[in-house]
All heavy atoms as atom14 arrays in JSON, in Angstrom:
{
  "sequence": "NTVYLQMNSLKPEDTAVYYCATTKSWCGVPVVAGLLDF",
  "atom14_mask": [
    [1, 1, 1, 1, 1, 1, 1, 1, 0, 0, 0, 0, 0, 0],
    [1, 1, 1, 1, 1, 1, 1, 0, 0, 0, 0, 0, 0, 0],
    [1, 1, 1, 1, 1, 1, 1, 0, 0, 0, 0, 0, 0, 0],
    [1, 1, 1, 1, 1, 1, 1, 1, 1, 1, 1, 1, 0, 0],
    [1, 1, 1, 1, 1, 1, 1, 1, 0, 0, 0, 0, 0, 0],
    [1, 1, 1, 1, 1, 1, 1, 1, 1, 0, 0, 0, 0, 0],
    [1, 1, 1, 1, 1, 1, 1, 1, 0, 0, 0, 0, 0, 0],
    [1, 1, 1, 1, 1, 1, 1, 1, 0, 0, 0, 0, 0, 0],
    [1, 1, 1, 1, 1, 1, 0, 0, 0, 0, 0, 0, 0, 0],
    [1, 1, 1, 1, 1, 1, 1, 1, 0, 0, 0, 0, 0, 0],
    [1, 1, 1, 1, 1, 1, 1, 1, 1, 0, 0, 0, 0, 0],
    [1, 1, 1, 1, 1, 1, 1, 0, 0, 0, 0, 0, 0, 0],
    [1, 1, 1, 1, 1, 1, 1, 1, 1, 0, 0, 0, 0, 0],
    [1, 1, 1, 1, 1, 1, 1, 1, 0, 0, 0, 0, 0, 0],
    [1, 1, 1, 1, 1, 1, 1, 0, 0, 0, 0, 0, 0, 0],
    [1, 1, 1, 1, 1, 0, 0, 0, 0, 0, 0, 0, 0, 0],
    [1, 1, 1, 1, 1, 1, 1, 0, 0, 0, 0, 0, 0, 0],
    [1, 1, 1, 1, 1, 1, 1, 1, 1, 1, 1, 1, 0, 0],
    [1, 1, 1, 1, 1, 1, 1, 1, 1, 1, 1, 1, 0, 0],
    [1, 1, 1, 1, 1, 1, 0, 0, 0, 0, 0, 0, 0, 0],
    [1, 1, 1, 1, 1, 0, 0, 0, 0, 0, 0, 0, 0, 0],
    [1, 1, 1, 1, 1, 1, 1, 0, 0, 0, 0, 0, 0, 0],
    [1, 1, 1, 1, 1, 1, 1, 0, 0, 0, 0, 0, 0, 0],
    [1, 1, 1, 1, 1, 1, 1, 1, 1, 0, 0, 0, 0, 0],
    [1, 1, 1, 1, 1, 1, 0, 0, 0, 0, 0, 0, 0, 0],
    [1, 1, 1, 1, 1, 1, 1, 1, 1, 1, 1, 1, 1, 1],
    [1, 1, 1, 1, 1, 1, 0, 0, 0, 0, 0, 0, 0, 0],
    [1, 1, 1, 1, 0, 0, 0, 0, 0, 0, 0, 0, 0, 0],
    [1, 1, 1, 1, 1, 1, 1, 0, 0, 0, 0, 0, 0, 0],
    [1, 1, 1, 1, 1, 1, 1, 0, 0, 0, 0, 0, 0, 0],
    [1, 1, 1, 1, 1, 1, 1, 0, 0, 0, 0, 0, 0, 0],
    [1, 1, 1, 1, 1, 1, 1, 0, 0, 0, 0, 0, 0, 0],
    [1, 1, 1, 1, 1, 0, 0, 0, 0, 0, 0, 0, 0, 0],
    [1, 1, 1, 1, 0, 0, 0, 0, 0, 0, 0, 0, 0, 0],
    [1, 1, 1, 1, 1, 1, 1, 1, 0, 0, 0, 0, 0, 0],
    [1, 1, 1, 1, 1, 1, 1, 1, 0, 0, 0, 0, 0, 0],
    [1, 1, 1, 1, 1, 1, 1, 1, 0, 0, 0, 0, 0, 0],
    [1, 1, 1, 1, 1, 1, 1, 1, 1, 1, 1, 0, 0, 0]
  ],
  "atom14_positions": [
    [[17.69, -8.0, -16.55], [16.46, -7.21, -16.44], [15.31, -8.06, -15.89], [14.17, -7.96, -16.34], [16.07, -6.61, -17.8], [15.54, -5.2, -17.7], [15.81, -4.48, -16.74], [14.75, -4.79, -18.69], [0.0, 0.0, 0.0], [0.0, 0.0, 0.0], [0.0, 0.0, 0.0], [0.0, 0.0, 0.0], [0.0, 0.0, 0.0], [0.0, 0.0, 0.0]],
    [[15.64, -8.88, -14.9], [14.71, -9.88, -14.41], [14.74, -9.95, -12.88], [15.79, -9.82, -12.26], [15.04, -11.26, -14.98], [14.92, -11.22, -16.41], [14.12, -12.34, -14.44], [0.0, 0.0, 0.0], [0.0, 0.0, 0.0], [0.0, 0.0, 0.0], [0.0, 0.0, 0.0], [0.0, 0.0, 0.0], [0.0, 0.0, 0.0], [0.0, 0.0, 0.0]],
    [[13.58, -10.17, -12.3], [13.42, -10.44, -10.88], [12.8, -11.82, -10.74], [11.93, -12.21, -11.52], [12.55, -9.37, -10.2], [12.22, -9.77, -8.77], [13.29, -8.03, -10.2], [0.0, 0.0, 0.0], [0.0, 0.0, 0.0], [0.0, 0.0, 0.0], [0.0, 0.0, 0.0], [0.0, 0.0, 0.0], [0.0, 0.0, 0.0], [0.0, 0.0, 0.0]],
    [[13.25, -12.56, -9.73], [12.8, -13.92, -9.51], [12.1, -14.05, -8.17], [12.37, -13.32, -7.23], [13.99, -14.89, -9.52], [14.8, -14.83, -10.78], [15.97, -14.07, -10.85], [14.42, -15.54, -11.92], [16.72, -14.0, -12.01], [15.16, -15.48, -13.08], [16.31, -14.71, -13.12], [17.05, -14.66, -14.27], [0.0, 0.0, 0.0], [0.0, 0.0, 0.0]],
    [[11.21, -15.02, -8.1], [10.61, -15.43, -6.84], [10.72, -16.95, -6.74], [10.01, -17.67, -7.44], [9.15, -14.99, -6.73], [8.48, -15.29, -5.39], [9.09, -14.42, -4.28], [6.98, -15.05, -5.47], [0.0, 0.0, 0.0], [0.0, 0.0, 0.0], [0.0, 0.0, 0.0], [0.0, 0.0, 0.0], [0.0, 0.0, 0.0], [0.0, 0.0, 0.0]],
    [[11.63, -17.41, -5.9], [11.77, -18.83, -5.63], [10.79, -19.21, -4.54], [10.83, -18.66, -3.45], [13.21, -19.15, -5.19], [13.43, -20.62, -4.83], [13.35, -21.53, -6.03], [13.92, -21.23, -7.07], [12.63, -22.63, -5.9], [0.0, 0.0, 0.0], [0.0, 0.0, 0.0], [0.0, 0.0, 0.0], [0.0, 0.0, 0.0], [0.0, 0.0, 0.0]],
    [[9.91, -20.16, -4.84], [8.87, -20.57, -3.92], [9.08, -22.03, -3.56], [9.01, -22.91, -4.42], [7.48, -20.36, -4.53], [7.24, -18.93, -5.01], [5.52, -18.64, -5.5], [5.39, -19.78, -6.87], [0.0, 0.0, 0.0], [0.0, 0.0, 0.0], [0.0, 0.0, 0.0], [0.0, 0.0, 0.0], [0.0, 0.0, 0.0], [0.0, 0.0, 0.0]],
    [[9.35, -22.29, -2.3], [9.55, -23.63, -1.79], [8.45, -23.99, -0.79], [7.75, -23.12, -0.28], [10.92, -23.74, -1.1], [12.07, -23.46, -2.03], [12.03, -23.78, -3.21], [13.14, -22.87, -1.49], [0.0, 0.0, 0.0], [0.0, 0.0, 0.0], [0.0, 0.0, 0.0], [0.0, 0.0, 0.0], [0.0, 0.0, 0.0], [0.0, 0.0, 0.0]],
    [[8.34, -25.27, -0.51], [7.37, -25.77, 0.46], [5.97, -25.23, 0.18], [5.28, -24.75, 1.08], [7.81, -25.41, 1.88], [9.09, -25.94, 2.18], [0.0, 0.0, 0.0], [0.0, 0.0, 0.0], [0.0, 0.0, 0.0], [0.0, 0.0, 0.0], [0.0, 0.0, 0.0], [0.0, 0.0, 0.0], [0.0, 0.0, 0.0], [0.0, 0.0, 0.0]],
    [[5.57, -25.32, -1.06], [4.31, -24.72, -1.48], [3.11, -25.41, -0.83], [3.11, -26.63, -0.61], [4.18, -24.76, -2.99], [5.04, -23.71, -3.7], [5.2, -24.06, -5.17], [4.41, -22.33, -3.55], [0.0, 0.0, 0.0], [0.0, 0.0, 0.0], [0.0, 0.0, 0.0], [0.0, 0.0, 0.0], [0.0, 0.0, 0.0], [0.0, 0.0, 0.0]],
    [[2.11, -24.61, -0.53], [0.88, -25.06, 0.11], [-0.3, -24.78, -0.8], [-0.25, -23.88, -1.64], [0.68, -24.32, 1.44], [1.84, -24.42, 2.41], [1.6, -23.53, 3.61], [2.75, -23.58, 4.58], [2.53, -22.69, 5.74], [0.0, 0.0, 0.0], [0.0, 0.0, 0.0], [0.0, 0.0, 0.0], [0.0, 0.0, 0.0], [0.0, 0.0, 0.0]],
    [[-1.41, -25.52, -0.64], [-2.59, -25.23, -1.46], [-3.05, -23.78, -1.37], [-3.54, -23.24, -2.36], [-3.65, -26.19, -0.89], [-2.85, -27.34, -0.4], [-1.59, -26.73, 0.17], [0.0, 0.0, 0.0], [0.0, 0.0, 0.0], [0.0, 0.0, 0.0], [0.0, 0.0, 0.0], [0.0, 0.0, 0.0], [0.0, 0.0, 0.0], [0.0, 0.0, 0.0]],
    [[-2.88, -23.15, -0.22], [-3.29, -21.76, -0.08], [-2.4, -20.78, -0.84], [-2.71, -19.58, -0.91], [-3.37, -21.35, 1.4], [-2.11, -21.68, 2.19], [-2.24, -22.97, 2.98], [-2.72, -23.97, 2.4], [-1.87, -22.99, 4.16], [0.0, 0.0, 0.0], [0.0, 0.0, 0.0], [0.0, 0.0, 0.0], [0.0, 0.0, 0.0], [0.0, 0.0, 0.0]],
    [[-1.31, -21.26, -1.42], [-0.48, -20.43, -2.3], [-1.06, -20.34, -3.71], [-0.54, -19.59, -4.54], [0.94, -20.97, -2.38], [1.67, -20.91, -1.05], [1.55, -19.88, -0.35], [2.38, -21.88, -0.73], [0.0, 0.0, 0.0], [0.0, 0.0, 0.0], [0.0, 0.0, 0.0], [0.0, 0.0, 0.0], [0.0, 0.0, 0.0], [0.0, 0.0, 0.0]],
    [[-2.09, -21.12, -4.0], [-2.71, -21.11, -5.32], [-3.27, -19.72, -5.63], [-4.07, -19.18, -4.87], [-3.83, -22.14, -5.39], [-3.27, -23.45, -5.24], [-4.56, -22.08, -6.73], [0.0, 0.0, 0.0], [0.0, 0.0, 0.0], [0.0, 0.0, 0.0], [0.0, 0.0, 0.0], [0.0, 0.0, 0.0], [0.0, 0.0, 0.0], [0.0, 0.0, 0.0]],
    [[-2.84, -19.14, -6.73], [-3.24, -17.8, -7.11], [-2.59, -17.44, -8.44], [-1.71, -18.15, -8.93], [-2.81, -16.78, -6.05], [0.0, 0.0, 0.0], [0.0, 0.0, 0.0], [0.0, 0.0, 0.0], [0.0, 0.0, 0.0], [0.0, 0.0, 0.0], [0.0, 0.0, 0.0], [0.0, 0.0, 0.0], [0.0, 0.0, 0.0], [0.0, 0.0, 0.0]],
    [[-3.03, -16.34, -9.02], [-2.3, -15.71, -10.1], [-1.28, -14.77, -9.47], [-1.63, -13.95, -8.63], [-3.22, -14.94, -11.06], [-2.41, -14.22, -12.13], [-4.22, -15.9, -11.71], [0.0, 0.0, 0.0], [0.0, 0.0, 0.0], [0.0, 0.0, 0.0], [0.0, 0.0, 0.0], [0.0, 0.0, 0.0], [0.0, 0.0, 0.0], [0.0, 0.0, 0.0]],
    [[-0.03, -14.9, -9.87], [1.06, -14.11, -9.32], [1.46, -13.02, -10.29], [1.67, -13.27, -11.48], [2.27, -14.99, -9.0], [2.08, -15.8, -7.74], [1.19, -16.87, -7.7], [2.79, -15.48, -6.58], [1.0, -17.59, -6.54], [2.61, -16.2, -5.41], [1.71, -17.26, -5.4], [1.53, -17.97, -4.24], [0.0, 0.0, 0.0], [0.0, 0.0, 0.0]],
    [[1.57, -11.8, -9.78], [1.9, -10.63, -10.58], [3.17, -9.97, -10.05], [3.41, -9.95, -8.84], [0.79, -9.58, -10.5], [-0.57, -10.03, -10.95], [-1.45, -10.65, -10.07], [-0.98, -9.83, -12.26], [-2.7, -11.06, -10.48], [-2.24, -10.23, -12.67], [-3.1, -10.84, -11.78], [-4.35, -11.24, -12.19], [0.0, 0.0, 0.0], [0.0, 0.0, 0.0]],
    [[3.96, -9.41, -10.95], [5.04, -8.52, -10.54], [4.68, -7.09, -10.91], [3.89, -6.85, -11.81], [6.39, -8.93, -11.13], [6.51, -8.86, -12.93], [0.0, 0.0, 0.0], [0.0, 0.0, 0.0], [0.0, 0.0, 0.0], [0.0, 0.0, 0.0], [0.0, 0.0, 0.0], [0.0, 0.0, 0.0], [0.0, 0.0, 0.0], [0.0, 0.0, 0.0]],
    [[5.27, -6.15, -10.19], [4.98, -4.74, -10.4], [6.16, -3.9, -9.97], [6.97, -4.33, -9.14], [3.72, -4.32, -9.63], [0.0, 0.0, 0.0], [0.0, 0.0, 0.0], [0.0, 0.0, 0.0], [0.0, 0.0, 0.0], [0.0, 0.0, 0.0], [0.0, 0.0, 0.0], [0.0, 0.0, 0.0], [0.0, 0.0, 0.0], [0.0, 0.0, 0.0]],
    [[6.26, -2.7, -10.51], [7.4, -1.81, -10.26], [6.97, -0.56, -9.5], [5.84, -0.1, -9.61], [8.07, -1.36, -11.56], [7.17, -0.54, -12.3], [8.47, -2.56, -12.41], [0.0, 0.0, 0.0], [0.0, 0.0, 0.0], [0.0, 0.0, 0.0], [0.0, 0.0, 0.0], [0.0, 0.0, 0.0], [0.0, 0.0, 0.0], [0.0, 0.0, 0.0]],
    [[7.91, -0.02, -8.73], [7.72, 1.27, -8.1], [9.06, 1.98, -7.99], [10.1, 1.33, -7.8], [7.07, 1.15, -6.72], [6.9, 2.44, -6.15], [7.92, 0.3, -5.77], [0.0, 0.0, 0.0], [0.0, 0.0, 0.0], [0.0, 0.0, 0.0], [0.0, 0.0, 0.0], [0.0, 0.0, 0.0], [0.0, 0.0, 0.0], [0.0, 0.0, 0.0]],
    [[9.05, 3.29, -8.09], [10.25, 4.09, -7.83], [10.3, 4.54, -6.38], [11.24, 5.23, -5.98], [10.29, 5.3, -8.77], [10.59, 4.92, -10.21], [10.76, 6.14, -11.09], [11.14, 5.74, -12.51], [11.31, 6.91, -13.39], [0.0, 0.0, 0.0], [0.0, 0.0, 0.0], [0.0, 0.0, 0.0], [0.0, 0.0, 0.0], [0.0, 0.0, 0.0]],
    [[9.31, 4.16, -5.61], [9.27, 4.42, -4.18], [9.8, 3.22, -3.42], [10.02, 2.15, -3.98], [7.85, 4.73, -3.74], [7.32, 5.85, -4.41], [0.0, 0.0, 0.0], [0.0, 0.0, 0.0], [0.0, 0.0, 0.0], [0.0, 0.0, 0.0], [0.0, 0.0, 0.0], [0.0, 0.0, 0.0], [0.0, 0.0, 0.0], [0.0, 0.0, 0.0]],
    [[10.01, 3.39, -2.12], [10.4, 2.28, -1.27], [9.26, 1.28, -1.23], [8.1, 1.63, -1.07], [10.72, 2.79, 0.13], [11.23, 1.75, 1.06], [12.25, 0.86, 0.82], [10.75, 1.48, 2.37], [12.43, 0.05, 1.92], [11.53, 0.41, 2.88], [9.75, 2.03, 3.16], [11.32, -0.11, 4.16], [9.56, 1.52, 4.43], [10.34, 0.46, 4.92]],
    [[9.59, -0.01, -1.33], [8.56, -1.03, -1.54], [8.16, -1.79, -0.29], [7.12, -2.46, -0.3], [9.02, -2.04, -2.61], [10.36, -3.15, -2.08], [0.0, 0.0, 0.0], [0.0, 0.0, 0.0], [0.0, 0.0, 0.0], [0.0, 0.0, 0.0], [0.0, 0.0, 0.0], [0.0, 0.0, 0.0], [0.0, 0.0, 0.0], [0.0, 0.0, 0.0]],
    [[8.95, -1.73, 0.76], [8.75, -2.61, 1.91], [7.37, -2.51, 2.54], [6.61, -3.49, 2.56], [0.0, 0.0, 0.0], [0.0, 0.0, 0.0], [0.0, 0.0, 0.0], [0.0, 0.0, 0.0], [0.0, 0.0, 0.0], [0.0, 0.0, 0.0], [0.0, 0.0, 0.0], [0.0, 0.0, 0.0], [0.0, 0.0, 0.0], [0.0, 0.0, 0.0]],
    [[7.05, -1.35, 3.06], [5.74, -1.18, 3.68], [4.61, -1.34, 2.66], [3.63, -2.04, 2.94], [5.65, 0.17, 4.41], [4.22, 0.46, 4.84], [6.58, 0.17, 5.62], [0.0, 0.0, 0.0], [0.0, 0.0, 0.0], [0.0, 0.0, 0.0], [0.0, 0.0, 0.0], [0.0, 0.0, 0.0], [0.0, 0.0, 0.0], [0.0, 0.0, 0.0]],
    [[4.72, -0.74, 1.47], [3.61, -0.89, 0.51], [3.31, -2.34, 0.13], [2.13, -2.71, 0.03], [4.1, -0.1, -0.7], [4.97, 0.96, -0.12], [5.69, 0.26, 1.0], [0.0, 0.0, 0.0], [0.0, 0.0, 0.0], [0.0, 0.0, 0.0], [0.0, 0.0, 0.0], [0.0, 0.0, 0.0], [0.0, 0.0, 0.0], [0.0, 0.0, 0.0]],
    [[4.31, -3.17, -0.07], [4.02, -4.53, -0.51], [3.46, -5.36, 0.65], [2.52, -6.14, 0.46], [5.25, -5.21, -1.16], [6.26, -5.69, -0.12], [4.8, -6.37, -2.05], [0.0, 0.0, 0.0], [0.0, 0.0, 0.0], [0.0, 0.0, 0.0], [0.0, 0.0, 0.0], [0.0, 0.0, 0.0], [0.0, 0.0, 0.0], [0.0, 0.0, 0.0]],
    [[4.01, -5.21, 1.83], [3.52, -5.98, 2.97], [2.1, -5.57, 3.32], [1.27, -6.42, 3.68], [4.46, -5.81, 4.18], [3.85, -6.44, 5.42], [5.81, -6.44, 3.88], [0.0, 0.0, 0.0], [0.0, 0.0, 0.0], [0.0, 0.0, 0.0], [0.0, 0.0, 0.0], [0.0, 0.0, 0.0], [0.0, 0.0, 0.0], [0.0, 0.0, 0.0]],
    [[1.8, -4.29, 3.18], [0.47, -3.79, 3.5], [-0.5, -3.91, 2.33], [-1.68, -3.58, 2.5], [0.56, -2.33, 3.95], [0.0, 0.0, 0.0], [0.0, 0.0, 0.0], [0.0, 0.0, 0.0], [0.0, 0.0, 0.0], [0.0, 0.0, 0.0], [0.0, 0.0, 0.0], [0.0, 0.0, 0.0], [0.0, 0.0, 0.0], [0.0, 0.0, 0.0]],
    [[-0.04, -4.33, 1.17], [-0.91, -4.45, 0.01], [-1.38, -3.13, -0.56], [-2.5, -3.03, -1.05], [0.0, 0.0, 0.0], [0.0, 0.0, 0.0], [0.0, 0.0, 0.0], [0.0, 0.0, 0.0], [0.0, 0.0, 0.0], [0.0, 0.0, 0.0], [0.0, 0.0, 0.0], [0.0, 0.0, 0.0], [0.0, 0.0, 0.0], [0.0, 0.0, 0.0]],
    [[-0.52, -2.12, -0.52], [-0.85, -0.79, -1.03], [-0.55, -0.75, -2.52], [0.51, -0.31, -2.95], [-0.08, 0.28, -0.26], [-0.3, 0.27, 1.26], [0.56, 1.33, 1.94], [-1.76, 0.47, 1.6], [0.0, 0.0, 0.0], [0.0, 0.0, 0.0], [0.0, 0.0, 0.0], [0.0, 0.0, 0.0], [0.0, 0.0, 0.0], [0.0, 0.0, 0.0]],
    [[-1.49, -1.19, -3.31], [-1.26, -1.4, -4.73], [-0.98, -0.12, -5.5], [-0.29, -0.15, -6.51], [-2.46, -2.11, -5.36], [-2.9, -3.42, -4.7], [-4.06, -4.02, -5.48], [-1.75, -4.39, -4.59], [0.0, 0.0, 0.0], [0.0, 0.0, 0.0], [0.0, 0.0, 0.0], [0.0, 0.0, 0.0], [0.0, 0.0, 0.0], [0.0, 0.0, 0.0]],
    [[-1.5, 1.01, -5.03], [-1.34, 2.26, -5.75], [0.09, 2.77, -5.76], [0.41, 3.68, -6.52], [-2.26, 3.33, -5.17], [-3.72, 3.09, -5.49], [-4.0, 2.27, -6.37], [-4.58, 3.73, -4.85], [0.0, 0.0, 0.0], [0.0, 0.0, 0.0], [0.0, 0.0, 0.0], [0.0, 0.0, 0.0], [0.0, 0.0, 0.0], [0.0, 0.0, 0.0]],
    [[0.95, 2.21, -4.92], [2.36, 2.59, -4.94], [3.09, 2.04, -6.16], [4.19, 2.49, -6.47], [3.06, 2.1, -3.68], [2.91, 3.02, -2.5], [1.75, 3.0, -1.73], [3.91, 3.92, -2.16], [1.6, 3.85, -0.64], [3.77, 4.76, -1.08], [2.62, 4.73, -0.32], [0.0, 0.0, 0.0], [0.0, 0.0, 0.0], [0.0, 0.0, 0.0]]
  ]
}
């Protein structure tokens, strides 16, 4: 019941709070476009 994000070659600009979220819709376009309401 787990999803992972392996992060390599990290850069200072990767500094942030990282969140996971669920959707029952297709996620590709919404996540790339930052459509949080999906």
